Amino acid sequence: DAMVQILLPGVKINGPDAADALAVAI
């Protein structure tokens, strides 16, 4: 979760499932 926020500055994540999905996209 922390790395997703670092790699996508300013992102507002809509919950843990969305954070995991963003990690998959990254």
PDB file of all heavy atoms in Angstrom:
ATOM      1  N   ASP A   1       0.835  -1.205   0.000  1.00  0.00           N
ATOM      2  CA  ASP A   1       0.000   0.000   0.000  1.00  0.00           C
ATOM      3  C   ASP A   1       0.871   1.258   0.000  1.00  0.00           C
ATOM      4  O   ASP A   1       0.631   2.202  -0.765  1.00  0.00           O
ATOM      5  CB  ASP A   1      -0.912  -0.023   1.227  1.00  0.00           C
ATOM      6  CG  ASP A   1      -2.171   0.798   1.056  1.00  0.00           C
ATOM      7  OD1 ASP A   1      -2.243   1.606   0.113  1.00  0.00           O
ATOM      8  OD2 ASP A   1      -3.098   0.635   1.869  1.00  0.00           O
ATOM      9  N   ALA A   2       1.895   1.269   0.855  1.00  0.00           N
ATOM     10  CA  ALA A   2       2.786   2.425   0.950  1.00  0.00           C
ATOM     11  C   ALA A   2       3.522   2.656  -0.372  1.00  0.00           C
ATOM     12  O   ALA A   2       3.658   3.805  -0.825  1.00  0.00           O
ATOM     13  CB  ALA A   2       3.782   2.234   2.088  1.00  0.00           C
ATOM     14  N   MET A   3       4.001   1.598  -1.009  1.00  0.00           N
ATOM     15  CA  MET A   3       4.724   1.752  -2.267  1.00  0.00           C
ATOM     16  C   MET A   3       3.799   2.215  -3.394  1.00  0.00           C
ATOM     17  O   MET A   3       4.208   2.987  -4.257  1.00  0.00           O
ATOM     18  CB  MET A   3       5.424   0.451  -2.661  1.00  0.00           C
ATOM     19  CG  MET A   3       6.737   0.220  -1.937  1.00  0.00           C
ATOM     20  SD  MET A   3       7.916   1.586  -2.107  1.00  0.00           S
ATOM     21  CE  MET A   3       8.262   1.551  -3.857  1.00  0.00           C
ATOM     22  N   VAL A   4       2.558   1.741  -3.387  1.00  0.00           N
ATOM     23  CA  VAL A   4       1.595   2.199  -4.395  1.00  0.00           C
ATOM     24  C   VAL A   4       1.440   3.714  -4.269  1.00  0.00           C
ATOM     25  O   VAL A   4       1.436   4.438  -5.275  1.00  0.00           O
ATOM     26  CB  VAL A   4       0.232   1.474  -4.257  1.00  0.00           C
ATOM     27  CG1 VAL A   4      -0.852   2.176  -5.060  1.00  0.00           C
ATOM     28  CG2 VAL A   4       0.365   0.016  -4.686  1.00  0.00           C
ATOM     29  N   GLN A   5       1.360   4.201  -3.041  1.00  0.00           N
ATOM     30  CA  GLN A   5       1.198   5.642  -2.831  1.00  0.00           C
ATOM     31  C   GLN A   5       2.447   6.417  -3.228  1.00  0.00           C
ATOM     32  O   GLN A   5       2.348   7.556  -3.696  1.00  0.00           O
ATOM     33  CB  GLN A   5       0.807   5.912  -1.385  1.00  0.00           C
ATOM     34  CG  GLN A   5      -0.578   5.346  -1.104  1.00  0.00           C
ATOM     35  CD  GLN A   5      -1.193   5.851   0.175  1.00  0.00           C
ATOM     36  OE1 GLN A   5      -0.958   6.970   0.564  1.00  0.00           O
ATOM     37  NE2 GLN A   5      -2.003   5.019   0.794  1.00  0.00           N
ATOM     38  N   ILE A   6       3.614   5.803  -3.081  1.00  0.00           N
ATOM     39  CA  ILE A   6       4.856   6.455  -3.505  1.00  0.00           C
ATOM     40  C   ILE A   6       4.955   6.473  -5.030  1.00  0.00           C
ATOM     41  O   ILE A   6       5.330   7.481  -5.631  1.00  0.00           O
ATOM     42  CB  ILE A   6       6.082   5.744  -2.888  1.00  0.00           C
ATOM     43  CG1 ILE A   6       6.139   6.033  -1.379  1.00  0.00           C
ATOM     44  CG2 ILE A   6       7.379   6.169  -3.575  1.00  0.00           C
ATOM     45  CD1 ILE A   6       7.127   5.173  -0.615  1.00  0.00           C
ATOM     46  N   LEU A   7       4.609   5.351  -5.663  1.00  0.00           N
ATOM     47  CA  LEU A   7       4.725   5.239  -7.117  1.00  0.00           C
ATOM     48  C   LEU A   7       3.653   6.044  -7.857  1.00  0.00           C
ATOM     49  O   LEU A   7       3.846   6.407  -9.021  1.00  0.00           O
ATOM     50  CB  LEU A   7       4.657   3.770  -7.538  1.00  0.00           C
ATOM     51  CG  LEU A   7       5.843   2.912  -7.083  1.00  0.00           C
ATOM     52  CD1 LEU A   7       5.550   1.438  -7.314  1.00  0.00           C
ATOM     53  CD2 LEU A   7       7.109   3.337  -7.804  1.00  0.00           C
ATOM     54  N   LEU A   8       2.527   6.289  -7.185  1.00  0.00           N
ATOM     55  CA  LEU A   8       1.429   7.067  -7.777  1.00  0.00           C
ATOM     56  C   LEU A   8       1.121   8.252  -6.857  1.00  0.00           C
ATOM     57  O   LEU A   8       0.124   8.247  -6.129  1.00  0.00           O
ATOM     58  CB  LEU A   8       0.185   6.184  -7.959  1.00  0.00           C
ATOM     59  CG  LEU A   8       0.348   4.922  -8.795  1.00  0.00           C
ATOM     60  CD1 LEU A   8      -0.901   4.056  -8.723  1.00  0.00           C
ATOM     61  CD2 LEU A   8       0.687   5.269 -10.244  1.00  0.00           C
ATOM     62  N   PRO A   9       1.979   9.273  -6.858  1.00  0.00           N
ATOM     63  CA  PRO A   9       1.819  10.386  -5.918  1.00  0.00           C
ATOM     64  C   PRO A   9       0.438  11.039  -5.999  1.00  0.00           C
ATOM     65  O   PRO A   9      -0.099  11.241  -7.079  1.00  0.00           O
ATOM     66  CB  PRO A   9       2.898  11.390  -6.353  1.00  0.00           C
ATOM     67  CG  PRO A   9       3.837  10.631  -7.222  1.00  0.00           C
ATOM     68  CD  PRO A   9       3.063   9.476  -7.797  1.00  0.00           C
ATOM     69  N   GLY A  10      -0.120  11.313  -4.820  1.00  0.00           N
ATOM     70  CA  GLY A  10      -1.409  11.989  -4.743  1.00  0.00           C
ATOM     71  C   GLY A  10      -2.618  11.089  -4.936  1.00  0.00           C
ATOM     72  O   GLY A  10      -3.743  11.550  -4.901  1.00  0.00           O
ATOM     73  N   VAL A  11      -2.390   9.786  -5.109  1.00  0.00           N
ATOM     74  CA  VAL A  11      -3.504   8.860  -5.338  1.00  0.00           C
ATOM     75  C   VAL A  11      -4.393   8.779  -4.098  1.00  0.00           C
ATOM     76  O   VAL A  11      -3.903   8.769  -2.976  1.00  0.00           O
ATOM     77  CB  VAL A  11      -2.996   7.454  -5.749  1.00  0.00           C
ATOM     78  CG1 VAL A  11      -2.226   6.784  -4.624  1.00  0.00           C
ATOM     79  CG2 VAL A  11      -4.150   6.553  -6.178  1.00  0.00           C
ATOM     80  N   LYS A  12      -5.689   8.747  -4.314  1.00  0.00           N
ATOM     81  CA  LYS A  12      -6.650   8.478  -3.244  1.00  0.00           C
ATOM     82  C   LYS A  12      -7.195   7.085  -3.528  1.00  0.00           C
ATOM     83  O   LYS A  12      -7.920   6.880  -4.497  1.00  0.00           O
ATOM     84  CB  LYS A  12      -7.764   9.513  -3.248  1.00  0.00           C
ATOM     85  CG  LYS A  12      -7.295  10.889  -2.817  1.00  0.00           C
ATOM     86  CD  LYS A  12      -8.456  11.809  -2.572  1.00  0.00           C
ATOM     87  CE  LYS A  12      -8.119  13.209  -2.209  1.00  0.00           C
ATOM     88  NZ  LYS A  12      -6.810  13.607  -1.910  1.00  0.00           N
ATOM     89  N   ILE A  13      -6.815   6.139  -2.684  1.00  0.00           N
ATOM     90  CA  ILE A  13      -7.151   4.733  -2.911  1.00  0.00           C
ATOM     91  C   ILE A  13      -8.487   4.416  -2.253  1.00  0.00           C
ATOM     92  O   ILE A  13      -8.709   4.735  -1.095  1.00  0.00           O
ATOM     93  CB  ILE A  13      -6.038   3.812  -2.378  1.00  0.00           C
ATOM     94  CG1 ILE A  13      -4.721   4.139  -3.094  1.00  0.00           C
ATOM     95  CG2 ILE A  13      -6.416   2.355  -2.571  1.00  0.00           C
ATOM     96  CD1 ILE A  13      -3.520   3.401  -2.551  1.00  0.00           C
ATOM     97  N   ASN A  14      -9.359   3.770  -3.022  1.00  0.00           N
ATOM     98  CA  ASN A  14     -10.710   3.429  -2.558  1.00  0.00           C
ATOM     99  C   ASN A  14     -10.758   2.069  -1.886  1.00  0.00           C
ATOM    100  O   ASN A  14     -11.527   1.207  -2.278  1.00  0.00           O
ATOM    101  CB  ASN A  14     -11.688   3.475  -3.741  1.00  0.00           C
ATOM    102  CG  ASN A  14     -11.842   4.866  -4.294  1.00  0.00           C
ATOM    103  OD1 ASN A  14     -12.021   5.804  -3.534  1.00  0.00           O
ATOM    104  ND2 ASN A  14     -11.751   5.004  -5.597  1.00  0.00           N
ATOM    105  N   GLY A  15      -9.921   1.868  -0.875  1.00  0.00           N
ATOM    106  CA  GLY A  15      -9.948   0.646  -0.087  1.00  0.00           C
ATOM    107  C   GLY A  15      -8.843  -0.333  -0.441  1.00  0.00           C
ATOM    108  O   GLY A  15      -8.160  -0.189  -1.454  1.00  0.00           O
ATOM    109  N   PRO A  16      -8.665  -1.348   0.415  1.00  0.00           N
ATOM    110  CA  PRO A  16      -7.566  -2.301   0.237  1.00  0.00           C
ATOM    111  C   PRO A  16      -7.647  -3.120  -1.045  1.00  0.00           C
ATOM    112  O   PRO A  16      -6.617  -3.457  -1.634  1.00  0.00           O
ATOM    113  CB  PRO A  16      -7.651  -3.207   1.471  1.00  0.00           C
ATOM    114  CG  PRO A  16      -8.863  -2.824   2.215  1.00  0.00           C
ATOM    115  CD  PRO A  16      -9.419  -1.567   1.641  1.00  0.00           C
ATOM    116  N   ASP A  17      -8.849  -3.429  -1.507  1.00  0.00           N
ATOM    117  CA  ASP A  17      -8.982  -4.211  -2.746  1.00  0.00           C
ATOM    118  C   ASP A  17      -8.538  -3.370  -3.949  1.00  0.00           C
ATOM    119  O   ASP A  17      -7.897  -3.879  -4.870  1.00  0.00           O
ATOM    120  CB  ASP A  17     -10.422  -4.699  -2.918  1.00  0.00           C
ATOM    121  CG  ASP A  17     -10.833  -5.609  -1.771  1.00  0.00           C
ATOM    122  OD1 ASP A  17     -10.282  -6.711  -1.673  1.00  0.00           O
ATOM    123  OD2 ASP A  17     -11.681  -5.191  -0.962  1.00  0.00           O
ATOM    124  N   ALA A  18      -8.855  -2.085  -3.932  1.00  0.00           N
ATOM    125  CA  ALA A  18      -8.418  -1.181  -4.998  1.00  0.00           C
ATOM    126  C   ALA A  18      -6.906  -0.995  -4.942  1.00  0.00           C
ATOM    127  O   ALA A  18      -6.245  -0.926  -5.985  1.00  0.00           O
ATOM    128  CB  ALA A  18      -9.140   0.158  -4.890  1.00  0.00           C
ATOM    129  N   ALA A  19      -6.326  -0.937  -3.733  1.00  0.00           N
ATOM    130  CA  ALA A  19      -4.872  -0.812  -3.595  1.00  0.00           C
ATOM    131  C   ALA A  19      -4.178  -2.030  -4.201  1.00  0.00           C
ATOM    132  O   ALA A  19      -3.180  -1.896  -4.918  1.00  0.00           O
ATOM    133  CB  ALA A  19      -4.488  -0.665  -2.125  1.00  0.00           C
ATOM    134  N   ASP A  20      -4.711  -3.210  -3.922  1.00  0.00           N
ATOM    135  CA  ASP A  20      -4.138  -4.432  -4.499  1.00  0.00           C
ATOM    136  C   ASP A  20      -4.243  -4.420  -6.017  1.00  0.00           C
ATOM    137  O   ASP A  20      -3.318  -4.828  -6.722  1.00  0.00           O
ATOM    138  CB  ASP A  20      -4.840  -5.674  -3.935  1.00  0.00           C
ATOM    139  CG  ASP A  20      -4.505  -5.934  -2.471  1.00  0.00           C
ATOM    140  OD1 ASP A  20      -3.564  -5.306  -1.952  1.00  0.00           O
ATOM    141  OD2 ASP A  20      -5.202  -6.764  -1.860  1.00  0.00           O
ATOM    142  N   ALA A  21      -5.363  -3.938  -6.539  1.00  0.00           N
ATOM    143  CA  ALA A  21      -5.546  -3.872  -7.986  1.00  0.00           C
ATOM    144  C   ALA A  21      -4.569  -2.885  -8.618  1.00  0.00           C
ATOM    145  O   ALA A  21      -4.020  -3.151  -9.699  1.00  0.00           O
ATOM    146  CB  ALA A  21      -6.992  -3.493  -8.312  1.00  0.00           C
ATOM    147  N   LEU A  22      -4.330  -1.758  -7.963  1.00  0.00           N
ATOM    148  CA  LEU A  22      -3.345  -0.804  -8.474  1.00  0.00           C
ATOM    149  C   LEU A  22      -1.954  -1.428  -8.483  1.00  0.00           C
ATOM    150  O   LEU A  22      -1.173  -1.216  -9.414  1.00  0.00           O
ATOM    151  CB  LEU A  22      -3.354   0.484  -7.652  1.00  0.00           C
ATOM    152  CG  LEU A  22      -4.525   1.418  -7.920  1.00  0.00           C
ATOM    153  CD1 LEU A  22      -4.604   2.518  -6.858  1.00  0.00           C
ATOM    154  CD2 LEU A  22      -4.433   2.030  -9.312  1.00  0.00           C
ATOM    155  N   ALA A  23      -1.645  -2.227  -7.462  1.00  0.00           N
ATOM    156  CA  ALA A  23      -0.355  -2.921  -7.422  1.00  0.00           C
ATOM    157  C   ALA A  23      -0.234  -3.886  -8.602  1.00  0.00           C
ATOM    158  O   ALA A  23       0.833  -3.997  -9.219  1.00  0.00           O
ATOM    159  CB  ALA A  23      -0.183  -3.665  -6.094  1.00  0.00           C
ATOM    160  N   VAL A  24      -1.317  -4.572  -8.940  1.00  0.00           N
ATOM    161  CA  VAL A  24      -1.324  -5.477 -10.093  1.00  0.00           C
ATOM    162  C   VAL A  24      -1.083  -4.680 -11.374  1.00  0.00           C
ATOM    163  O   VAL A  24      -0.299  -5.091 -12.239  1.00  0.00           O
ATOM    164  CB  VAL A  24      -2.649  -6.273 -10.176  1.00  0.00           C
ATOM    165  CG1 VAL A  24      -2.718  -7.084 -11.463  1.00  0.00           C
ATOM    166  CG2 VAL A  24      -2.801  -7.193  -8.966  1.00  0.00           C
ATOM    167  N   ALA A  25      -1.726  -3.512 -11.500  1.00  0.00           N
ATOM    168  CA  ALA A  25      -1.542  -2.667 -12.683  1.00  0.00           C
ATOM    169  C   ALA A  25      -0.102  -2.176 -12.774  1.00  0.00           C
ATOM    170  O   ALA A  25       0.481  -2.139 -13.869  1.00  0.00           O
ATOM    171  CB  ALA A  25      -2.524  -1.488 -12.645  1.00  0.00           C
ATOM    172  N   ILE A  26       0.491  -1.806 -11.645  1.00  0.00           N
ATOM    173  CA  ILE A  26       1.889  -1.350 -11.625  1.00  0.00           C
ATOM    174  C   ILE A  26       2.815  -2.489 -12.035  1.00  0.00           C
ATOM    175  O   ILE A  26       3.728  -2.312 -12.847  1.00  0.00           O
ATOM    176  CB  ILE A  26       2.261  -0.800 -10.224  1.00  0.00           C
ATOM    177  CG1 ILE A  26       1.509   0.505  -9.962  1.00  0.00           C
ATOM    178  CG2 ILE A  26       3.772  -0.603 -10.099  1.00  0.00           C
ATOM    179  CD1 ILE A  26       1.556   0.969  -8.515  1.00  0.00           C
TER     180      ILE A  26
END
